[in-house]
Amino acid sequence: MYRIVSSSFIAPEVKRFVIDAPQVARHWQAGQFVILRVDDDGERIPLTVAAADPDSGQITLFVQGIGKTTKQLNTKQAGEQLADVAGPLGKPSEIEEYGTAVVVGGGVGTAIAYPVVAALAKAGNDVIAIVGGRSRAYVLLEDEISATGAETIVCTDDGSYGRGGFVTDALADVIAGRRGNVGREINTGRQVNIVFAAGPVPMMKAVAEVTRTAGIHTIASLNPIMVDGTGMCGGCRVDVGGRTYFACVDGPEFDAHLVDFDLLARRNQSYVEFEAARLESFNKQCKVEGSS
């Protein structure tokens, strides 16, 4: 069992968890994830580790309540236990001194982007982080990312905070050396050497198209359906450059210019009806328990 040290909502339906997981905390590197079960009867879900402290043996996870299991997880409070937290899994991000690195995080994908930003900054890169959300309430980890020393550009779809518009618009401006956040110049005279992207599939696909035109190497952290996390089930297979890979052991990061994002999106819809039925059942159970 794995004890929840703290849990708190940081955005609508998004919760920050700190969990006792010493084995994971000792070995984790940026880009890796865990497979978690809420209870002994629960499904296994992959969650990216946002931070780890090997001294305390604690890891930090960010969970967006979308389906039955993530909503169930987000009901858990400090002091409660989780059945399993297995990891770290997957390959770490390829961190080296590239020069100028841009990291794009959309929505809860910012939790994946954050440790990459920190690792790139520690490796001596000039890091620009582009963080996106639907509105101000959905902008995650702005302060934490800024604290790494990265130049941080915030985008909101509705223009309620930071720069209005999509992260891809900001990325195009960074590449071209134009304005970033309102009222200041960014990236003047700096050539972007590499881009990392984490977030919804359509966002990562759009980022890849922007950087393809500019000829900038781009890495995407993929988010396919995953069950065991060890390469056994094949549920997380992705098409990269016409070849099939398992995101759990070969990734989760791949060359974004080679990823078949359309196929990834279709495969991610494979269990939509089943997931909807499970969520409906969970919501009904919560209503019954709440009224009793």
Protein backbone atom coordinates (compact mmCIF):
# COMPACT_ATOMS: atom_id res chain seq x y z
CA MET A 1 0.00 0.00 0.00
CA TYR A 2 1.12 3.54 -0.77
CA ARG A 3 0.19 6.37 1.58
CA ILE A 4 -1.13 9.67 0.26
CA VAL A 5 0.85 12.39 2.02
CA SER A 6 -1.20 15.29 0.66
CA SER A 7 -3.89 15.96 -1.91
CA SER A 8 -5.37 19.26 -3.06
CA PHE A 9 -7.20 20.63 -6.08
CA ILE A 10 -5.15 23.13 -8.07
CA ALA A 11 -7.63 23.60 -10.93
CA PRO A 12 -11.14 22.37 -11.80
CA GLU A 13 -11.00 18.55 -11.70
CA VAL A 14 -7.19 18.61 -11.38
CA LYS A 15 -5.62 17.43 -8.14
CA ARG A 16 -2.03 17.40 -6.90
CA PHE A 17 -0.99 14.28 -4.97
CA VAL A 18 2.16 13.70 -2.96
CA ILE A 19 2.58 9.97 -2.35
CA ASP A 20 5.03 7.84 -0.39
CA ALA A 21 6.75 5.70 -3.03
CA PRO A 22 10.43 5.38 -2.05
CA GLN A 23 11.42 2.92 -4.79
CA VAL A 24 10.00 5.17 -7.49
CA ALA A 25 11.47 8.33 -5.96
CA ARG A 26 14.99 6.86 -5.85
CA HIS A 27 15.09 5.82 -9.50
CA TRP A 28 12.79 8.24 -11.35
CA GLN A 29 14.04 10.53 -14.10
CA ALA A 30 12.19 13.22 -16.06
CA GLY A 31 9.82 11.75 -18.64
CA GLN A 32 9.06 8.54 -16.75
CA PHE A 33 5.70 7.47 -15.35
CA VAL A 34 4.01 5.07 -12.94
CA ILE A 35 1.12 2.64 -13.23
CA LEU A 36 -1.34 3.15 -10.41
CA ARG A 37 -4.31 1.25 -8.96
CA VAL A 38 -6.65 2.99 -6.54
CA ASP A 39 -7.77 -0.27 -4.91
CA ASP A 40 -7.38 -4.02 -5.36
CA ASP A 41 -10.33 -4.17 -7.77
CA GLY A 42 -9.36 -1.09 -9.76
CA GLU A 43 -7.99 -0.69 -13.26
CA ARG A 44 -4.37 0.21 -13.91
CA ILE A 45 -3.78 3.75 -15.16
CA PRO A 46 -0.55 5.47 -16.27
CA LEU A 47 0.36 8.79 -14.65
CA THR A 48 3.47 10.85 -15.34
CA VAL A 49 5.57 11.69 -12.30
CA ALA A 50 5.92 15.47 -12.08
CA ALA A 51 8.58 15.47 -9.35
CA ALA A 52 10.37 13.10 -6.98
CA ASP A 53 12.33 13.54 -3.76
CA PRO A 54 14.63 10.58 -3.14
CA ASP A 55 15.41 11.81 0.40
CA SER A 56 11.80 11.79 1.57
CA GLY A 57 10.80 8.94 -0.75
CA GLN A 58 7.88 10.96 -2.09
CA ILE A 59 6.62 11.57 -5.61
CA THR A 60 4.21 14.18 -6.99
CA LEU A 61 1.40 13.35 -9.40
CA PHE A 62 -1.22 15.53 -11.06
CA VAL A 63 -4.54 13.87 -11.85
CA GLN A 64 -7.30 15.22 -14.07
CA GLY A 65 -10.64 13.67 -13.24
CA ILE A 66 -12.05 12.56 -16.59
CA GLY A 67 -13.06 8.92 -16.34
CA LYS A 68 -14.22 6.64 -13.57
CA THR A 69 -10.79 5.80 -12.13
CA THR A 70 -9.34 9.31 -12.19
CA LYS A 71 -12.51 10.71 -10.60
CA GLN A 72 -12.38 7.98 -7.97
CA LEU A 73 -8.72 8.78 -7.32
CA ASN A 74 -9.55 12.46 -6.91
CA THR A 75 -11.88 11.61 -4.00
CA LYS A 76 -8.89 10.36 -2.00
CA GLN A 77 -7.50 12.46 0.84
CA ALA A 78 -4.23 12.68 2.76
CA GLY A 79 -3.67 9.66 4.97
CA GLU A 80 -5.53 7.24 2.71
CA GLN A 81 -3.81 4.40 0.88
CA LEU A 82 -3.46 3.38 -2.77
CA ALA A 83 -3.17 -0.27 -3.76
CA ASP A 84 -0.30 0.05 -6.26
CA VAL A 85 2.18 2.60 -7.55
CA ALA A 86 4.51 0.71 -9.89
CA GLY A 87 7.49 2.31 -11.57
CA PRO A 88 9.34 4.23 -12.70
CA LEU A 89 8.38 3.02 -16.17
CA GLY A 90 9.28 4.14 -19.67
CA LYS A 91 12.43 5.72 -20.99
CA PRO A 92 13.64 8.98 -19.45
CA SER A 93 13.65 12.14 -21.54
CA GLU A 94 16.82 12.63 -23.56
CA ILE A 95 18.25 15.55 -21.65
CA GLU A 96 21.44 17.18 -22.88
CA GLU A 97 22.74 20.65 -23.64
CA TYR A 98 20.92 21.54 -26.86
CA GLY A 99 21.17 25.31 -26.71
CA THR A 100 17.72 26.89 -26.83
CA ALA A 101 14.97 24.43 -25.96
CA VAL A 102 11.24 25.13 -26.07
CA VAL A 103 8.85 23.00 -23.99
CA VAL A 104 5.14 23.20 -24.81
CA GLY A 105 2.59 21.96 -22.28
CA GLY A 106 -1.16 21.99 -22.84
CA GLY A 107 -3.67 21.47 -20.02
CA VAL A 108 -2.68 18.68 -17.66
CA GLY A 109 0.17 17.93 -20.11
CA THR A 110 1.93 20.77 -18.31
CA ALA A 111 2.57 18.28 -15.49
CA ILE A 112 4.55 16.21 -18.01
CA ALA A 113 6.32 19.30 -19.35
CA TYR A 114 7.36 20.62 -15.93
CA PRO A 115 10.06 18.04 -15.04
CA VAL A 116 11.41 18.25 -18.60
CA VAL A 117 11.74 22.03 -18.24
CA ALA A 118 13.55 21.59 -14.92
CA ALA A 119 15.92 18.95 -16.30
CA LEU A 120 16.73 20.97 -19.42
CA ALA A 121 17.43 24.08 -17.34
CA LYS A 122 19.67 22.09 -14.99
CA ALA A 123 21.60 20.78 -18.02
CA GLY A 124 22.46 24.35 -19.01
CA ASN A 125 19.91 24.99 -21.74
CA ASP A 126 18.23 28.30 -22.46
CA VAL A 127 14.65 27.11 -21.85
CA ILE A 128 11.43 28.71 -23.02
CA ALA A 129 8.26 27.15 -21.61
CA ILE A 130 4.90 27.69 -23.30
CA VAL A 131 2.01 26.78 -21.01
CA GLY A 132 -1.58 26.62 -22.24
CA GLY A 133 -5.02 26.29 -20.71
CA ARG A 134 -8.65 26.86 -21.67
CA SER A 135 -8.84 29.79 -19.26
CA ARG A 136 -6.89 31.16 -16.31
CA ALA A 137 -8.32 28.51 -13.97
CA TYR A 138 -6.81 25.77 -16.14
CA VAL A 139 -3.27 27.18 -16.30
CA LEU A 140 -1.10 24.78 -14.30
CA LEU A 141 2.31 25.08 -12.63
CA GLU A 142 3.16 28.55 -13.92
CA ASP A 143 5.03 29.49 -10.73
CA GLU A 144 6.86 26.17 -10.49
CA ILE A 145 8.00 26.35 -14.11
CA SER A 146 9.12 29.97 -13.76
CA ALA A 147 11.11 29.00 -10.65
CA THR A 148 13.32 26.73 -12.80
CA GLY A 149 14.62 29.85 -14.56
CA ALA A 150 12.76 29.11 -17.79
CA GLU A 151 11.23 31.99 -19.69
CA THR A 152 7.52 31.26 -19.33
CA ILE A 153 4.80 32.20 -21.79
CA VAL A 154 1.22 31.59 -20.69
CA CYS A 155 -1.58 31.15 -23.24
CA THR A 156 -5.31 30.87 -22.66
CA ASP A 157 -7.83 29.91 -25.33
CA ASP A 158 -10.27 32.57 -24.15
CA GLY A 159 -7.68 35.28 -23.52
CA SER A 160 -8.57 35.53 -19.83
CA TYR A 161 -4.90 35.40 -18.78
CA GLY A 162 -1.52 35.82 -20.41
CA ARG A 163 -1.56 35.67 -24.16
CA GLY A 164 -4.86 34.93 -25.90
CA GLY A 165 -4.84 32.06 -28.40
CA PHE A 166 -3.26 28.66 -28.81
CA VAL A 167 0.19 27.49 -27.73
CA THR A 168 1.05 26.87 -31.39
CA ASP A 169 0.62 30.58 -32.14
CA ALA A 170 3.05 31.43 -29.35
CA LEU A 171 5.45 28.74 -30.57
CA ALA A 172 5.43 30.15 -34.10
CA ASP A 173 6.22 33.59 -32.69
CA VAL A 174 9.05 32.25 -30.55
CA ILE A 175 10.59 30.53 -33.57
CA ALA A 176 10.27 33.75 -35.58
CA GLY A 177 11.62 35.90 -32.73
CA ARG A 178 8.40 37.87 -32.27
CA ARG A 179 6.60 38.94 -29.11
CA GLY A 180 5.66 36.48 -26.39
CA ASN A 181 3.66 37.57 -23.34
CA VAL A 182 2.05 40.96 -23.70
CA GLY A 183 4.49 43.82 -23.19
CA ARG A 184 7.91 42.21 -23.59
CA GLU A 185 10.22 40.82 -26.23
CA ILE A 186 11.33 37.20 -26.18
CA ASN A 187 13.75 35.01 -28.09
CA THR A 188 15.25 37.91 -30.07
CA GLY A 189 18.28 36.57 -31.88
CA ARG A 190 17.96 33.05 -30.45
CA GLN A 191 17.65 30.02 -32.67
CA VAL A 192 15.40 27.26 -31.32
CA ASN A 193 17.31 23.98 -31.36
CA ILE A 194 14.70 21.54 -30.06
CA VAL A 195 11.05 21.45 -29.01
CA PHE A 196 9.34 19.13 -26.51
CA ALA A 197 5.53 18.82 -26.48
CA ALA A 198 3.10 17.24 -24.01
CA GLY A 199 -0.67 17.57 -24.01
CA PRO A 200 -3.77 16.61 -26.00
CA VAL A 201 -3.14 14.73 -29.23
CA PRO A 202 -4.47 17.52 -31.50
CA MET A 203 -2.17 20.01 -29.77
CA MET A 204 0.92 17.83 -30.20
CA LYS A 205 0.02 17.24 -33.84
CA ALA A 206 -0.29 20.99 -34.39
CA VAL A 207 3.04 21.63 -32.65
CA ALA A 208 4.69 19.08 -34.93
CA GLU A 209 3.35 20.84 -38.01
CA VAL A 210 4.71 24.21 -36.85
CA THR A 211 8.17 22.81 -36.18
CA ARG A 212 8.20 20.63 -39.30
CA THR A 213 7.95 23.75 -41.43
CA ALA A 214 10.80 25.31 -39.45
CA GLY A 215 12.92 22.14 -39.56
CA ILE A 216 13.25 21.91 -35.76
CA HIS A 217 13.66 18.51 -34.11
CA THR A 218 10.56 17.89 -31.97
CA ILE A 219 9.81 15.31 -29.28
CA ALA A 220 6.24 14.41 -28.29
CA SER A 221 5.28 12.60 -25.09
CA LEU A 222 2.54 10.24 -26.25
CA ASN A 223 -0.52 9.27 -24.23
CA PRO A 224 -2.00 6.05 -25.67
CA ILE A 225 -4.24 3.61 -23.85
CA MET A 226 -2.01 1.57 -21.54
CA VAL A 227 -2.67 -1.43 -19.31
CA ASP A 228 0.40 -3.18 -17.90
CA GLY A 229 3.17 -0.70 -18.74
CA THR A 230 5.72 -3.43 -19.42
CA GLY A 231 5.22 -4.15 -23.14
CA MET A 232 3.11 -7.29 -22.61
CA CYS A 233 -0.42 -6.23 -23.59
CA GLY A 234 0.30 -4.22 -26.73
CA GLY A 235 -2.47 -1.76 -25.93
CA CYS A 236 -0.13 1.23 -26.10
CA ARG A 237 1.18 0.55 -29.59
CA VAL A 238 1.87 3.62 -31.70
CA ASP A 239 2.96 4.11 -35.29
CA VAL A 240 6.18 6.09 -35.63
CA GLY A 241 7.80 6.39 -39.03
CA GLY A 242 5.73 3.46 -40.33
CA ARG A 243 6.90 1.14 -37.57
CA THR A 244 4.99 -0.08 -34.52
CA TYR A 245 6.34 0.74 -31.09
CA PHE A 246 5.04 0.23 -27.55
CA ALA A 247 4.89 3.59 -25.80
CA CYS A 248 5.38 2.02 -22.37
CA VAL A 249 8.82 0.55 -23.08
CA ASP A 250 9.97 2.29 -26.28
CA GLY A 251 8.68 5.71 -25.20
CA PRO A 252 6.66 7.56 -24.11
CA GLU A 253 8.68 10.15 -26.06
CA PHE A 254 9.06 9.90 -29.84
CA ASP A 255 10.04 12.04 -32.81
CA ALA A 256 6.88 14.09 -33.32
CA HIS A 257 7.48 14.46 -37.06
CA LEU A 258 7.22 10.68 -37.47
CA VAL A 259 4.21 9.98 -35.22
CA ASP A 260 0.89 9.02 -36.81
CA PHE A 261 -1.24 11.24 -34.58
CA ASP A 262 -4.46 10.43 -36.43
CA LEU A 263 -4.05 6.73 -35.69
CA LEU A 264 -3.18 7.51 -32.06
CA ALA A 265 -6.37 9.59 -31.74
CA ARG A 266 -8.52 6.79 -33.20
CA ARG A 267 -7.02 4.15 -30.92
CA ASN A 268 -7.58 6.38 -27.90
CA GLN A 269 -11.31 6.28 -28.73
CA SER A 270 -11.48 2.47 -28.71
CA TYR A 271 -13.21 2.14 -25.33
CA VAL A 272 -15.22 5.37 -25.23
CA GLU A 273 -18.60 3.67 -24.79
CA PHE A 274 -17.28 1.34 -22.08
CA GLU A 275 -15.58 4.23 -20.29
CA ALA A 276 -18.78 6.29 -20.43
CA ALA A 277 -20.80 3.41 -18.93
CA ARG A 278 -18.27 2.95 -16.12
CA LEU A 279 -18.32 6.67 -15.36
CA GLU A 280 -22.12 6.75 -15.32
CA SER A 281 -22.18 3.82 -12.90
CA PHE A 282 -19.61 5.51 -10.65
CA ASN A 283 -21.55 8.79 -10.62
CA LYS A 284 -24.76 6.97 -9.69
CA GLN A 285 -22.94 5.18 -6.87
CA CYS A 286 -21.60 8.50 -5.57
CA LYS A 287 -25.10 9.99 -5.59
CA VAL A 288 -26.48 7.04 -3.65
CA GLU A 289 -23.68 7.18 -1.08
CA GLY A 290 -24.06 10.96 -0.82
CA SER A 291 -27.77 10.71 -0.08
CA SER A 292 -27.45 7.94 2.48
